Amino acid sequence: VQLQAYGGGLVQAGASLRLSCVASGRTLSSYGMGWFRQAPGKEREFVSYISWNGGSTNVADSVKGRFTISRDNAKNTVYLQMNSLKPEDTAVYYCAASLRYISRPYTTRAFEYDYWGQGTLVTVSS
């Protein structure tokens, strides 16, 4: 499966963005999906996970209450709605697909994912 992330950009603190991750080559319903981010000089970190049918989700404590993950398998797309953005949310955001963990909300480690998109940059100014 190939993943393409869209929707990043430059916004001011407090704004919202919605990231999209579109899959091609295989139906997205075969995968648990995650979002990760990597800020300059920092390690890649888990942001959110959604199970194959959207029945279970998980979000990192750092974004809980502000970010929401969802998916539309008919459109082969996963979304990350980001509200109340903060400068510390600035990072490259990556979507990833897990064939092994299709319904395990605590799939939070990068090595648990099999496919990765190219990333989209989100910059939040203060």
PDB file of N, CA and C in Angstrom:
ATOM      1  N   VAL A   1       0.843  -1.175   0.000  1.00  0.00           N
ATOM      2  CA  VAL A   1       0.000   0.000   0.000  1.00  0.00           C
ATOM      3  C   VAL A   1       0.890   1.241   0.000  1.00  0.00           C
ATOM      4  N   GLN A   2       0.456   2.267  -0.739  1.00  0.00           N
ATOM      5  CA  GLN A   2       1.160   3.553  -0.744  1.00  0.00           C
ATOM      6  C   GLN A   2       0.298   4.565  -0.007  1.00  0.00           C
ATOM      7  N   LEU A   3       0.941   5.371   0.796  1.00  0.00           N
ATOM      8  CA  LEU A   3       0.244   6.368   1.605  1.00  0.00           C
ATOM      9  C   LEU A   3       0.710   7.761   1.230  1.00  0.00           C
ATOM     10  N   GLN A   4      -0.226   8.670   1.122  1.00  0.00           N
ATOM     11  CA  GLN A   4       0.081  10.062   0.791  1.00  0.00           C
ATOM     12  C   GLN A   4      -0.638  10.958   1.780  1.00  0.00           C
ATOM     13  N   ALA A   5       0.134  11.742   2.518  1.00  0.00           N
ATOM     14  CA  ALA A   5      -0.433  12.659   3.506  1.00  0.00           C
ATOM     15  C   ALA A   5      -0.563  14.056   2.919  1.00  0.00           C
ATOM     16  N   TYR A   6      -1.665  14.708   3.261  1.00  0.00           N
ATOM     17  CA  TYR A   6      -1.945  16.068   2.789  1.00  0.00           C
ATOM     18  C   TYR A   6      -2.444  16.922   3.935  1.00  0.00           C
ATOM     19  N   GLY A   7      -2.424  18.233   3.701  1.00  0.00           N
ATOM     20  CA  GLY A   7      -3.138  19.124   4.592  1.00  0.00           C
ATOM     21  C   GLY A   7      -2.304  19.959   5.527  1.00  0.00           C
ATOM     22  N   GLY A   8      -1.003  19.762   5.521  1.00  0.00           N
ATOM     23  CA  GLY A   8      -0.170  20.575   6.386  1.00  0.00           C
ATOM     24  C   GLY A   8      -0.109  22.015   5.912  1.00  0.00           C
ATOM     25  N   GLY A   9       0.471  22.856   6.736  1.00  0.00           N
ATOM     26  CA  GLY A   9       0.605  24.258   6.372  1.00  0.00           C
ATOM     27  C   GLY A   9       1.073  25.086   7.536  1.00  0.00           C
ATOM     28  N   LEU A  10       1.081  26.403   7.311  1.00  0.00           N
ATOM     29  CA  LEU A  10       1.484  27.365   8.333  1.00  0.00           C
ATOM     30  C   LEU A  10       0.237  28.034   8.896  1.00  0.00           C
ATOM     31  N   VAL A  11       0.054  27.907  10.199  1.00  0.00           N
ATOM     32  CA  VAL A  11      -1.101  28.501  10.857  1.00  0.00           C
ATOM     33  C   VAL A  11      -0.662  29.180  12.137  1.00  0.00           C
ATOM     34  N   GLN A  12      -1.556  30.012  12.657  1.00  0.00           N
ATOM     35  CA  GLN A  12      -1.291  30.653  13.939  1.00  0.00           C
ATOM     36  C   GLN A  12      -1.797  29.784  15.085  1.00  0.00           C
ATOM     37  N   ALA A  13      -1.234  30.010  16.234  1.00  0.00           N
ATOM     38  CA  ALA A  13      -1.674  29.292  17.422  1.00  0.00           C
ATOM     39  C   ALA A  13      -3.176  29.478  17.614  1.00  0.00           C
ATOM     40  N   GLY A  14      -3.844  28.372  17.978  1.00  0.00           N
ATOM     41  CA  GLY A  14      -5.283  28.410  18.168  1.00  0.00           C
ATOM     42  C   GLY A  14      -6.090  27.998  16.954  1.00  0.00           C
ATOM     43  N   ALA A  15      -5.426  27.910  15.817  1.00  0.00           N
ATOM     44  CA  ALA A  15      -6.112  27.539  14.574  1.00  0.00           C
ATOM     45  C   ALA A  15      -6.323  26.030  14.494  1.00  0.00           C
ATOM     46  N   SER A  16      -7.008  25.629  13.422  1.00  0.00           N
ATOM     47  CA  SER A  16      -7.277  24.217  13.176  1.00  0.00           C
ATOM     48  C   SER A  16      -6.751  23.813  11.810  1.00  0.00           C
ATOM     49  N   LEU A  17      -6.407  22.550  11.691  1.00  0.00           N
ATOM     50  CA  LEU A  17      -6.043  21.958  10.418  1.00  0.00           C
ATOM     51  C   LEU A  17      -6.590  20.544  10.392  1.00  0.00           C
ATOM     52  N   ARG A  18      -6.875  20.059   9.198  1.00  0.00           N
ATOM     53  CA  ARG A  18      -7.236  18.658   9.053  1.00  0.00           C
ATOM     54  C   ARG A  18      -6.264  18.002   8.095  1.00  0.00           C
ATOM     55  N   LEU A  19      -5.576  17.015   8.571  1.00  0.00           N
ATOM     56  CA  LEU A  19      -4.674  16.236   7.733  1.00  0.00           C
ATOM     57  C   LEU A  19      -5.431  15.051   7.149  1.00  0.00           C
ATOM     58  N   SER A  20      -5.079  14.707   5.931  1.00  0.00           N
ATOM     59  CA  SER A  20      -5.652  13.534   5.269  1.00  0.00           C
ATOM     60  C   SER A  20      -4.531  12.595   4.854  1.00  0.00           C
ATOM     61  N   CYS A  21      -4.810  11.328   4.915  1.00  0.00           N
ATOM     62  CA  CYS A  21      -3.864  10.308   4.457  1.00  0.00           C
ATOM     63  C   CYS A  21      -4.631   9.395   3.504  1.00  0.00           C
ATOM     64  N   VAL A  22      -4.253   9.439   2.239  1.00  0.00           N
ATOM     65  CA  VAL A  22      -4.939   8.666   1.212  1.00  0.00           C
ATOM     66  C   VAL A  22      -4.101   7.449   0.854  1.00  0.00           C
ATOM     67  N   ALA A  23      -4.739   6.304   0.813  1.00  0.00           N
ATOM     68  CA  ALA A  23      -4.042   5.060   0.492  1.00  0.00           C
ATOM     69  C   ALA A  23      -4.366   4.625  -0.924  1.00  0.00           C
ATOM     70  N   SER A  24      -3.390   4.017  -1.550  1.00  0.00           N
ATOM     71  CA  SER A  24      -3.605   3.426  -2.863  1.00  0.00           C
ATOM     72  C   SER A  24      -2.885   2.082  -2.907  1.00  0.00           C
ATOM     73  N   GLY A  25      -3.354   1.223  -3.768  1.00  0.00           N
ATOM     74  CA  GLY A  25      -2.709  -0.072  -3.939  1.00  0.00           C
ATOM     75  C   GLY A  25      -3.363  -1.193  -3.159  1.00  0.00           C
ATOM     76  N   ARG A  26      -4.052  -0.864  -2.100  1.00  0.00           N
ATOM     77  CA  ARG A  26      -4.737  -1.884  -1.300  1.00  0.00           C
ATOM     78  C   ARG A  26      -5.784  -1.180  -0.459  1.00  0.00           C
ATOM     79  N   THR A  27      -6.869  -1.875  -0.168  1.00  0.00           N
ATOM     80  CA  THR A  27      -7.926  -1.247   0.614  1.00  0.00           C
ATOM     81  C   THR A  27      -7.463  -0.932   2.026  1.00  0.00           C
ATOM     82  N   LEU A  28      -7.803   0.241   2.472  1.00  0.00           N
ATOM     83  CA  LEU A  28      -7.353   0.717   3.778  1.00  0.00           C
ATOM     84  C   LEU A  28      -7.972  -0.067   4.918  1.00  0.00           C
ATOM     85  N   SER A  29      -9.101  -0.716   4.684  1.00  0.00           N
ATOM     86  CA  SER A  29      -9.770  -1.444   5.759  1.00  0.00           C
ATOM     87  C   SER A  29      -8.978  -2.663   6.224  1.00  0.00           C
ATOM     88  N   SER A  30      -7.894  -2.976   5.536  1.00  0.00           N
ATOM     89  CA  SER A  30      -7.035  -4.088   5.966  1.00  0.00           C
ATOM     90  C   SER A  30      -6.055  -3.678   7.059  1.00  0.00           C
ATOM     91  N   TYR A  31      -6.037  -2.376   7.412  1.00  0.00           N
ATOM     92  CA  TYR A  31      -4.986  -1.861   8.281  1.00  0.00           C
ATOM     93  C   TYR A  31      -5.515  -1.102   9.475  1.00  0.00           C
ATOM     94  N   GLY A  32      -4.787  -1.238  10.592  1.00  0.00           N
ATOM     95  CA  GLY A  32      -4.883  -0.234  11.629  1.00  0.00           C
ATOM     96  C   GLY A  32      -4.021   0.935  11.176  1.00  0.00           C
ATOM     97  N   MET A  33      -4.454   2.149  11.486  1.00  0.00           N
ATOM     98  CA  MET A  33      -3.762   3.326  10.982  1.00  0.00           C
ATOM     99  C   MET A  33      -3.316   4.229  12.121  1.00  0.00           C
ATOM    100  N   GLY A  34      -2.178   4.843  11.924  1.00  0.00           N
ATOM    101  CA  GLY A  34      -1.658   5.745  12.942  1.00  0.00           C
ATOM    102  C   GLY A  34      -1.125   7.025  12.346  1.00  0.00           C
ATOM    103  N   TRP A  35      -1.030   8.033  13.200  1.00  0.00           N
ATOM    104  CA  TRP A  35      -0.344   9.278  12.882  1.00  0.00           C
ATOM    105  C   TRP A  35       0.804   9.437  13.874  1.00  0.00           C
ATOM    106  N   PHE A  36       1.925   9.829  13.344  1.00  0.00           N
ATOM    107  CA  PHE A  36       3.100  10.158  14.141  1.00  0.00           C
ATOM    108  C   PHE A  36       3.563  11.553  13.745  1.00  0.00           C
ATOM    109  N   ARG A  37       4.436  12.126  14.546  1.00  0.00           N
ATOM    110  CA  ARG A  37       5.024  13.407  14.175  1.00  0.00           C
ATOM    111  C   ARG A  37       6.469  13.452  14.620  1.00  0.00           C
ATOM    112  N   GLN A  38       7.225  14.285  13.926  1.00  0.00           N
ATOM    113  CA  GLN A  38       8.626  14.460  14.268  1.00  0.00           C
ATOM    114  C   GLN A  38       8.981  15.931  14.168  1.00  0.00           C
ATOM    115  N   ALA A  39       9.315  16.497  15.302  1.00  0.00           N
ATOM    116  CA  ALA A  39       9.733  17.894  15.357  1.00  0.00           C
ATOM    117  C   ALA A  39      11.238  17.972  15.097  1.00  0.00           C
ATOM    118  N   PRO A  40      11.727  19.124  14.668  1.00  0.00           N
ATOM    119  CA  PRO A  40      13.156  19.271  14.402  1.00  0.00           C
ATOM    120  C   PRO A  40      13.996  18.903  15.618  1.00  0.00           C
ATOM    121  N   GLY A  41      14.958  18.032  15.405  1.00  0.00           N
ATOM    122  CA  GLY A  41      15.858  17.651  16.478  1.00  0.00           C
ATOM    123  C   GLY A  41      15.292  16.675  17.491  1.00  0.00           C
ATOM    124  N   LYS A  42      14.079  16.193  17.232  1.00  0.00           N
ATOM    125  CA  LYS A  42      13.442  15.270  18.176  1.00  0.00           C
ATOM    126  C   LYS A  42      13.125  13.947  17.498  1.00  0.00           C
ATOM    127  N   GLU A  43      12.850  12.956  18.320  1.00  0.00           N
ATOM    128  CA  GLU A  43      12.486  11.649  17.798  1.00  0.00           C
ATOM    129  C   GLU A  43      11.029  11.653  17.328  1.00  0.00           C
ATOM    130  N   ARG A  44      10.734  10.737  16.431  1.00  0.00           N
ATOM    131  CA  ARG A  44       9.356  10.582  15.974  1.00  0.00           C
ATOM    132  C   ARG A  44       8.511  10.099  17.146  1.00  0.00           C
ATOM    133  N   GLU A  45       7.331  10.696  17.290  1.00  0.00           N
ATOM    134  CA  GLU A  45       6.471  10.342  18.400  1.00  0.00           C
ATOM    135  C   GLU A  45       5.070  10.003  17.932  1.00  0.00           C
ATOM    136  N   PHE A  46       4.439   9.113  18.647  1.00  0.00           N
ATOM    137  CA  PHE A  46       3.072   8.691  18.373  1.00  0.00           C
ATOM    138  C   PHE A  46       2.102   9.834  18.645  1.00  0.00           C
ATOM    139  N   VAL A  47       1.110   9.958  17.756  1.00  0.00           N
ATOM    140  CA  VAL A  47       0.069  10.957  17.938  1.00  0.00           C
ATOM    141  C   VAL A  47      -1.287  10.284  18.147  1.00  0.00           C
ATOM    142  N   SER A  48      -1.650   9.374  17.229  1.00  0.00           N
ATOM    143  CA  SER A  48      -2.980   8.794  17.322  1.00  0.00           C
ATOM    144  C   SER A  48      -3.065   7.513  16.511  1.00  0.00           C
ATOM    145  N   TYR A  49      -4.035   6.675  16.900  1.00  0.00           N
ATOM    146  CA  TYR A  49      -4.265   5.386  16.236  1.00  0.00           C
ATOM    147  C   TYR A  49      -5.766   5.180  16.068  1.00  0.00           C
ATOM    148  N   ILE A  50      -6.124   4.489  14.967  1.00  0.00           N
ATOM    149  CA  ILE A  50      -7.514   4.103  14.768  1.00  0.00           C
ATOM    150  C   ILE A  50      -7.539   2.682  14.217  1.00  0.00           C
ATOM    151  N   SER A  51      -8.453   1.872  14.734  1.00  0.00           N
ATOM    152  CA  SER A  51      -8.562   0.488  14.292  1.00  0.00           C
ATOM    153  C   SER A  51      -9.153   0.398  12.892  1.00  0.00           C
ATOM    154  N   TRP A  52      -9.137  -0.794  12.326  1.00  0.00           N
ATOM    155  CA  TRP A  52      -9.497  -0.980  10.922  1.00  0.00           C
ATOM    156  C   TRP A  52     -10.900  -0.478  10.591  1.00  0.00           C
ATOM    157  N   ASN A  53     -11.815  -0.582  11.536  1.00  0.00           N
ATOM    158  CA  ASN A  53     -13.199  -0.167  11.273  1.00  0.00           C
ATOM    159  C   ASN A  53     -13.566   1.116  12.007  1.00  0.00           C
ATOM    160  N   GLY A  54     -12.583   1.752  12.629  1.00  0.00           N
ATOM    161  CA  GLY A  54     -12.862   2.975  13.368  1.00  0.00           C
ATOM    162  C   GLY A  54     -13.470   2.744  14.734  1.00  0.00           C
ATOM    163  N   GLY A  55     -13.579   1.493  15.153  1.00  0.00           N
ATOM    164  CA  GLY A  55     -14.250   1.185  16.400  1.00  0.00           C
ATOM    165  C   GLY A  55     -13.474   1.535  17.647  1.00  0.00           C
ATOM    166  N   SER A  56     -12.178   1.644  17.529  1.00  0.00           N
ATOM    167  CA  SER A  56     -11.364   2.031  18.683  1.00  0.00           C
ATOM    168  C   SER A  56     -10.266   2.982  18.240  1.00  0.00           C
ATOM    169  N   THR A  57      -9.986   3.926  19.113  1.00  0.00           N
ATOM    170  CA  THR A  57      -8.974   4.935  18.829  1.00  0.00           C
ATOM    171  C   THR A  57      -8.113   5.158  20.065  1.00  0.00           C
ATOM    172  N   ASN A  58      -7.033   5.832  19.839  1.00  0.00           N
ATOM    173  CA  ASN A  58      -6.133   6.204  20.926  1.00  0.00           C
ATOM    174  C   ASN A  58      -5.422   7.487  20.511  1.00  0.00           C
ATOM    175  N   VAL A  59      -5.264   8.393  21.450  1.00  0.00           N
ATOM    176  CA  VAL A  59      -4.510   9.615  21.167  1.00  0.00           C
ATOM    177  C   VAL A  59      -3.483   9.840  22.270  1.00  0.00           C
ATOM    178  N   ALA A  60      -2.388  10.422  21.911  1.00  0.00           N
ATOM    179  CA  ALA A  60      -1.353  10.732  22.891  1.00  0.00           C
ATOM    180  C   ALA A  60      -1.855  11.774  23.887  1.00  0.00           C
ATOM    181  N   ASP A  61      -1.334  11.708  25.086  1.00  0.00           N
ATOM    182  CA  ASP A  61      -1.758  12.653  26.120  1.00  0.00           C
ATOM    183  C   ASP A  61      -1.504  14.102  25.707  1.00  0.00           C
ATOM    184  N   SER A  62      -0.451  14.318  24.937  1.00  0.00           N
ATOM    185  CA  SER A  62      -0.072  15.675  24.557  1.00  0.00           C
ATOM    186  C   SER A  62      -1.090  16.339  23.632  1.00  0.00           C
ATOM    187  N   VAL A  63      -1.927  15.565  22.988  1.00  0.00           N
ATOM    188  CA  VAL A  63      -2.906  16.122  22.054  1.00  0.00           C
ATOM    189  C   VAL A  63      -4.333  15.758  22.429  1.00  0.00           C
ATOM    190  N   LYS A  64      -4.522  15.060  23.515  1.00  0.00           N
ATOM    191  CA  LYS A  64      -5.849  14.619  23.922  1.00  0.00           C
ATOM    192  C   LYS A  64      -6.759  15.820  24.144  1.00  0.00           C
ATOM    193  N   GLY A  65      -7.973  15.697  23.603  1.00  0.00           N
ATOM    194  CA  GLY A  65      -8.916  16.791  23.714  1.00  0.00           C
ATOM    195  C   GLY A  65      -8.797  17.827  22.615  1.00  0.00           C
ATOM    196  N   ARG A  66      -7.722  17.764  21.828  1.00  0.00           N
ATOM    197  CA  ARG A  66      -7.521  18.719  20.731  1.00  0.00           C
ATOM    198  C   ARG A  66      -7.499  18.029  19.371  1.00  0.00           C
ATOM    199  N   PHE A  67      -6.970  16.832  19.304  1.00  0.00           N
ATOM    200  CA  PHE A  67      -6.844  16.103  18.040  1.00  0.00           C
ATOM    201  C   PHE A  67      -7.826  14.937  18.019  1.00  0.00           C
ATOM    202  N   THR A  68      -8.382  14.681  16.846  1.00  0.00           N
ATOM    203  CA  THR A  68      -9.308  13.571  16.659  1.00  0.00           C
ATOM    204  C   THR A  68      -8.948  12.824  15.383  1.00  0.00           C
ATOM    205  N   ILE A  69      -8.851  11.519  15.495  1.00  0.00           N
ATOM    206  CA  ILE A  69      -8.568  10.687  14.329  1.00  0.00           C
ATOM    207  C   ILE A  69      -9.873  10.053  13.852  1.00  0.00           C
ATOM    208  N   SER A  70      -9.997   9.912  12.538  1.00  0.00           N
ATOM    209  CA  SER A  70     -11.170   9.260  11.959  1.00  0.00           C
ATOM    210  C   SER A  70     -10.753   8.632  10.631  1.00  0.00           C
ATOM    211  N   ARG A  71     -11.655   7.843  10.082  1.00  0.00           N
ATOM    212  CA  ARG A  71     -11.340   7.221   8.803  1.00  0.00           C
ATOM    213  C   ARG A  71     -12.608   7.012   7.995  1.00  0.00           C
ATOM    214  N   ASP A  72     -12.422   6.979   6.687  1.00  0.00           N
ATOM    215  CA  ASP A  72     -13.496   6.681   5.750  1.00  0.00           C
ATOM    216  C   ASP A  72     -12.947   5.612   4.813  1.00  0.00           C
ATOM    217  N   ASN A  73     -13.258   4.378   5.109  1.00  0.00           N
ATOM    218  CA  ASN A  73     -12.691   3.282   4.309  1.00  0.00           C
ATOM    219  C   ASN A  73     -13.200   3.302   2.868  1.00  0.00           C
ATOM    220  N   ALA A  74     -14.390   3.818   2.663  1.00  0.00           N
ATOM    221  CA  ALA A  74     -14.915   3.912   1.298  1.00  0.00           C
ATOM    222  C   ALA A  74     -14.071   4.852   0.443  1.00  0.00           C
ATOM    223  N   LYS A  75     -13.460   5.838   1.103  1.00  0.00           N
ATOM    224  CA  LYS A  75     -12.593   6.790   0.401  1.00  0.00           C
ATOM    225  C   LYS A  75     -11.116   6.443   0.575  1.00  0.00           C
ATOM    226  N   ASN A  76     -10.854   5.336   1.267  1.00  0.00           N
ATOM    227  CA  ASN A  76      -9.472   4.930   1.510  1.00  0.00           C
ATOM    228  C   ASN A  76      -8.653   6.043   2.161  1.00  0.00           C
ATOM    229  N   THR A  77      -9.262   6.725   3.111  1.00  0.00           N
ATOM    230  CA  THR A  77      -8.643   7.917   3.700  1.00  0.00           C
ATOM    231  C   THR A  77      -8.771   7.903   5.215  1.00  0.00           C
ATOM    232  N   VAL A  78      -7.703   8.344   5.862  1.00  0.00           N
ATOM    233  CA  VAL A  78      -7.692   8.558   7.303  1.00  0.00           C
ATOM    234  C   VAL A  78      -7.448  10.041   7.547  1.00  0.00           C
ATOM    235  N   TYR A  79      -8.095  10.575   8.569  1.00  0.00           N
ATOM    236  CA  TYR A  79      -8.002  12.000   8.863  1.00  0.00           C
ATOM    237  C   TYR A  79      -7.438  12.223  10.262  1.00  0.00           C
ATOM    238  N   LEU A  80      -6.825  13.373  10.422  1.00  0.00           N
ATOM    239  CA  LEU A  80      -6.435  13.845  11.746  1.00  0.00           C
ATOM    240  C   LEU A  80      -6.901  15.289  11.863  1.00  0.00           C
ATOM    241  N   GLN A  81      -7.961  15.487  12.617  1.00  0.00           N
ATOM    242  CA  GLN A  81      -8.469  16.834  12.868  1.00  0.00           C
ATOM    243  C   GLN A  81      -7.699  17.421  14.037  1.00  0.00           C
ATOM    244  N   MET A  82      -7.069  18.552  13.806  1.00  0.00           N
ATOM    245  CA  MET A  82      -6.235  19.181  14.822  1.00  0.00           C
ATOM    246  C   MET A  82      -6.807  20.551  15.154  1.00  0.00           C
ATOM    247  N   ASN A  83      -7.262  20.698  16.374  1.00  0.00           N
ATOM    248  CA  ASN A  83      -7.827  21.964  16.842  1.00  0.00           C
ATOM    249  C   ASN A  83      -6.933  22.577  17.914  1.00  0.00           C
ATOM    250  N   SER A  84      -7.128  23.852  18.148  1.00  0.00           N
ATOM    251  CA  SER A  84      -6.394  24.573  19.196  1.00  0.00           C
ATOM    252  C   SER A  84      -4.895  24.308  19.087  1.00  0.00           C
ATOM    253  N   LEU A  85      -4.374  24.470  17.900  1.00  0.00           N
ATOM    254  CA  LEU A  85      -2.969  24.153  17.670  1.00  0.00           C
ATOM    255  C   LEU A  85      -2.051  25.057  18.479  1.00  0.00           C
ATOM    256  N   LYS A  86      -0.944  24.473  18.902  1.00  0.00           N
ATOM    257  CA  LYS A  86       0.049  25.168  19.700  1.00  0.00           C
ATOM    258  C   LYS A  86       1.389  25.150  18.960  1.00  0.00           C
ATOM    259  N   PRO A  87       2.268  26.092  19.259  1.00  0.00           N
ATOM    260  CA  PRO A  87       3.586  26.073  18.606  1.00  0.00           C
ATOM    261  C   PRO A  87       4.316  24.744  18.793  1.00  0.00           C
ATOM    262  N   GLU A  88       4.113  24.092  19.908  1.00  0.00           N
ATOM    263  CA  GLU A  88       4.783  22.809  20.151  1.00  0.00           C
ATOM    264  C   GLU A  88       4.224  21.667  19.302  1.00  0.00           C
ATOM    265  N   ASP A  89       3.153  21.927  18.571  1.00  0.00           N
ATOM    266  CA  ASP A  89       2.639  20.935  17.616  1.00  0.00           C
ATOM    267  C   ASP A  89       3.387  20.994  16.289  1.00  0.00           C
ATOM    268  N   THR A  90       4.262  21.955  16.129  1.00  0.00           N
ATOM    269  CA  THR A  90       5.028  22.079  14.894  1.00  0.00           C
ATOM    270  C   THR A  90       5.878  20.836  14.665  1.00  0.00           C
ATOM    271  N   ALA A  91       5.689  20.213  13.511  1.00  0.00           N
ATOM    272  CA  ALA A  91       6.385  18.966  13.202  1.00  0.00           C
ATOM    273  C   ALA A  91       6.011  18.522  11.802  1.00  0.00           C
ATOM    274  N   VAL A  92       6.738  17.529  11.319  1.00  0.00           N
ATOM    275  CA  VAL A  92       6.300  16.802  10.137  1.00  0.00           C
ATOM    276  C   VAL A  92       5.415  15.667  10.630  1.00  0.00           C
ATOM    277  N   TYR A  93       4.235  15.573  10.057  1.00  0.00           N
ATOM    278  CA  TYR A  93       3.265  14.565  10.459  1.00  0.00           C
ATOM    279  C   TYR A  93       3.255  13.436   9.422  1.00  0.00           C
ATOM    280  N   TYR A  94       3.327  12.219   9.923  1.00  0.00           N
ATOM    281  CA  TYR A  94       3.359  11.037   9.083  1.00  0.00           C
ATOM    282  C   TYR A  94       2.170  10.136   9.381  1.00  0.00           C
ATOM    283  N   CYS A  95       1.573   9.586   8.331  1.00  0.00           N
ATOM    284  CA  CYS A  95       0.595   8.526   8.543  1.00  0.00           C
ATOM    285  C   CYS A  95       1.283   7.191   8.298  1.00  0.00           C
ATOM    286  N   ALA A  96       0.750   6.171   8.953  1.00  0.00           N
ATOM    287  CA  ALA A  96       1.353   4.853   8.865  1.00  0.00           C
ATOM    288  C   ALA A  96       0.271   3.789   8.952  1.00  0.00           C
ATOM    289  N   ALA A  97       0.547   2.646   8.340  1.00  0.00           N
ATOM    290  CA  ALA A  97      -0.407   1.540   8.290  1.00  0.00           C
ATOM    291  C   ALA A  97       0.190   0.301   8.935  1.00  0.00           C
ATOM    292  N   SER A  98      -0.614  -0.346   9.762  1.00  0.00           N
ATOM    293  CA  SER A  98      -0.183  -1.580  10.424  1.00  0.00           C
ATOM    294  C   SER A  98      -1.053  -2.730   9.963  1.00  0.00           C
ATOM    295  N   LEU A  99      -0.415  -3.712   9.353  1.00  0.00           N
ATOM    296  CA  LEU A  99      -1.137  -4.907   8.915  1.00  0.00           C
ATOM    297  C   LEU A  99      -1.278  -5.893  10.074  1.00  0.00           C
ATOM    298  N   ARG A 100      -0.372  -5.813  11.038  1.00  0.00           N
ATOM    299  CA  ARG A 100      -0.372  -6.772  12.155  1.00  0.00           C
ATOM    300  C   ARG A 100      -1.333  -6.377  13.261  1.00  0.00           C
ATOM    301  N   TYR A 101      -1.529  -5.082  13.439  1.00  0.00           N
ATOM    302  CA  TYR A 101      -2.322  -4.602  14.579  1.00  0.00           C
ATOM    303  C   TYR A 101      -3.503  -3.802  14.051  1.00  0.00           C
ATOM    304  N   ILE A 102      -4.486  -4.508  13.572  1.00  0.00           N
ATOM    305  CA  ILE A 102      -5.608  -3.821  12.943  1.00  0.00           C
ATOM    306  C   ILE A 102      -6.638  -3.349  13.952  1.00  0.00           C
ATOM    307  N   SER A 103      -6.559  -3.864  15.182  1.00  0.00           N
ATOM    308  CA  SER A 103      -7.535  -3.451  16.193  1.00  0.00           C
ATOM    309  C   SER A 103      -6.898  -3.472  17.578  1.00  0.00           C
ATOM    310  N   ARG A 104      -5.833  -2.740  17.740  1.00  0.00           N
ATOM    311  CA  ARG A 104      -5.134  -2.639  19.012  1.00  0.00           C
ATOM    312  C   ARG A 104      -4.794  -1.180  19.266  1.00  0.00           C
ATOM    313  N   PRO A 105      -5.577  -0.516  20.088  1.00  0.00           N
ATOM    314  CA  PRO A 105      -5.401   0.929  20.266  1.00  0.00           C
ATOM    315  C   PRO A 105      -4.020   1.351  20.750  1.00  0.00           C
ATOM    316  N   TYR A 106      -3.324   0.440  21.456  1.00  0.00           N
ATOM    317  CA  TYR A 106      -2.020   0.825  21.982  1.00  0.00           C
ATOM    318  C   TYR A 106      -0.892   0.414  21.041  1.00  0.00           C
ATOM    319  N   THR A 107      -1.156   0.562  19.762  1.00  0.00           N
ATOM    320  CA  THR A 107      -0.125   0.385  18.734  1.00  0.00           C
ATOM    321  C   THR A 107       0.554   1.727  18.566  1.00  0.00           C
ATOM    322  N   THR A 108       1.473   2.002  19.471  1.00  0.00           N
ATOM    323  CA  THR A 108       2.043   3.344  19.578  1.00  0.00           C
ATOM    324  C   THR A 108       3.502   3.436  19.164  1.00  0.00           C
ATOM    325  N   ARG A 109       4.115   2.328  18.809  1.00  0.00           N
ATOM    326  CA  ARG A 109       5.545   2.325  18.483  1.00  0.00           C
ATOM    327  C   ARG A 109       5.748   2.191  16.981  1.00  0.00           C
ATOM    328  N   ALA A 110       6.704   2.934  16.493  1.00  0.00           N
ATOM    329  CA  ALA A 110       6.896   3.037  15.045  1.00  0.00           C
ATOM    330  C   ALA A 110       7.149   1.676  14.400  1.00  0.00           C
ATOM    331  N   PHE A 111       7.850   0.794  15.085  1.00  0.00           N
ATOM    332  CA  PHE A 111       8.185  -0.492  14.468  1.00  0.00           C
ATOM    333  C   PHE A 111       6.971  -1.409  14.310  1.00  0.00           C
ATOM    334  N   GLU A 112       5.857  -1.036  14.906  1.00  0.00           N
ATOM    335  CA  GLU A 112       4.637  -1.826  14.787  1.00  0.00           C
ATOM    336  C   GLU A 112       3.877  -1.524  13.496  1.00  0.00           C
ATOM    337  N   TYR A 113       4.373  -0.558  12.741  1.00  0.00           N
ATOM    338  CA  TYR A 113       3.739  -0.155  11.491  1.00  0.00           C
ATOM    339  C   TYR A 113       4.568  -0.628  10.302  1.00  0.00           C
ATOM    340  N   ASP A 114       3.866  -0.985   9.242  1.00  0.00           N
ATOM    341  CA  ASP A 114       4.510  -1.610   8.103  1.00  0.00           C
ATOM    342  C   ASP A 114       4.733  -0.666   6.929  1.00  0.00           C
ATOM    343  N   TYR A 115       3.896   0.353   6.813  1.00  0.00           N
ATOM    344  CA  TYR A 115       3.989   1.270   5.687  1.00  0.00           C
ATOM    345  C   TYR A 115       3.864   2.700   6.194  1.00  0.00           C
ATOM    346  N   TRP A 116       4.582   3.596   5.531  1.00  0.00           N
ATOM    347  CA  TRP A 116       4.622   4.989   5.956  1.00  0.00           C
ATOM    348  C   TRP A 116       4.406   5.919   4.767  1.00  0.00           C
ATOM    349  N   GLY A 117       3.715   7.011   5.031  1.00  0.00           N
ATOM    350  CA  GLY A 117       3.608   8.059   4.042  1.00  0.00           C
ATOM    351  C   GLY A 117       4.810   8.968   4.104  1.00  0.00           C
ATOM    352  N   GLN A 118       4.845   9.959   3.238  1.00  0.00           N
ATOM    353  CA  GLN A 118       6.022  10.805   3.111  1.00  0.00           C
ATOM    354  C   GLN A 118       6.051  11.962   4.089  1.00  0.00           C
ATOM    355  N   GLY A 119       4.969  12.245   4.761  1.00  0.00           N
ATOM    356  CA  GLY A 119       4.943  13.313   5.740  1.00  0.00           C
ATOM    357  C   GLY A 119       4.429  14.623   5.182  1.00  0.00           C
ATOM    358  N   THR A 120       3.792  15.391   6.032  1.00  0.00           N
ATOM    359  CA  THR A 120       3.326  16.730   5.685  1.00  0.00           C
ATOM    360  C   THR A 120       3.676  17.667   6.835  1.00  0.00           C
ATOM    361  N   LEU A 121       4.200  18.835   6.500  1.00  0.00           N
ATOM    362  CA  LEU A 121       4.723  19.752   7.508  1.00  0.00           C
ATOM    363  C   LEU A 121       3.616  20.637   8.064  1.00  0.00           C
ATOM    364  N   VAL A 122       3.542  20.661   9.383  1.00  0.00           N
ATOM    365  CA  VAL A 122       2.644  21.566  10.090  1.00  0.00           C
ATOM    366  C   VAL A 122       3.497  22.535  10.899  1.00  0.00           C
ATOM    367  N   THR A 123       3.284  23.820  10.660  1.00  0.00           N
ATOM    368  CA  THR A 123       4.020  24.852  11.385  1.00  0.00           C
ATOM    369  C   THR A 123       3.016  25.755  12.076  1.00  0.00           C
ATOM    370  N   VAL A 124       3.157  25.880  13.391  1.00  0.00           N
ATOM    371  CA  VAL A 124       2.242  26.697  14.178  1.00  0.00           C
ATOM    372  C   VAL A 124       3.034  27.866  14.753  1.00  0.00           C
ATOM    373  N   SER A 125       2.660  29.063  14.376  1.00  0.00           N
ATOM    374  CA  SER A 125       3.349  30.254  14.861  1.00  0.00           C
ATOM    375  C   SER A 125       2.641  30.800  16.103  1.00  0.00           C
ATOM    376  N   SER A 126       3.420  31.431  16.949  1.00  0.00           N
ATOM    377  CA  SER A 126       2.849  31.964  18.201  1.00  0.00           C
ATOM    378  C   SER A 126       2.352  33.379  18.022  1.00  0.00           C
TER     379      SER A 126
END
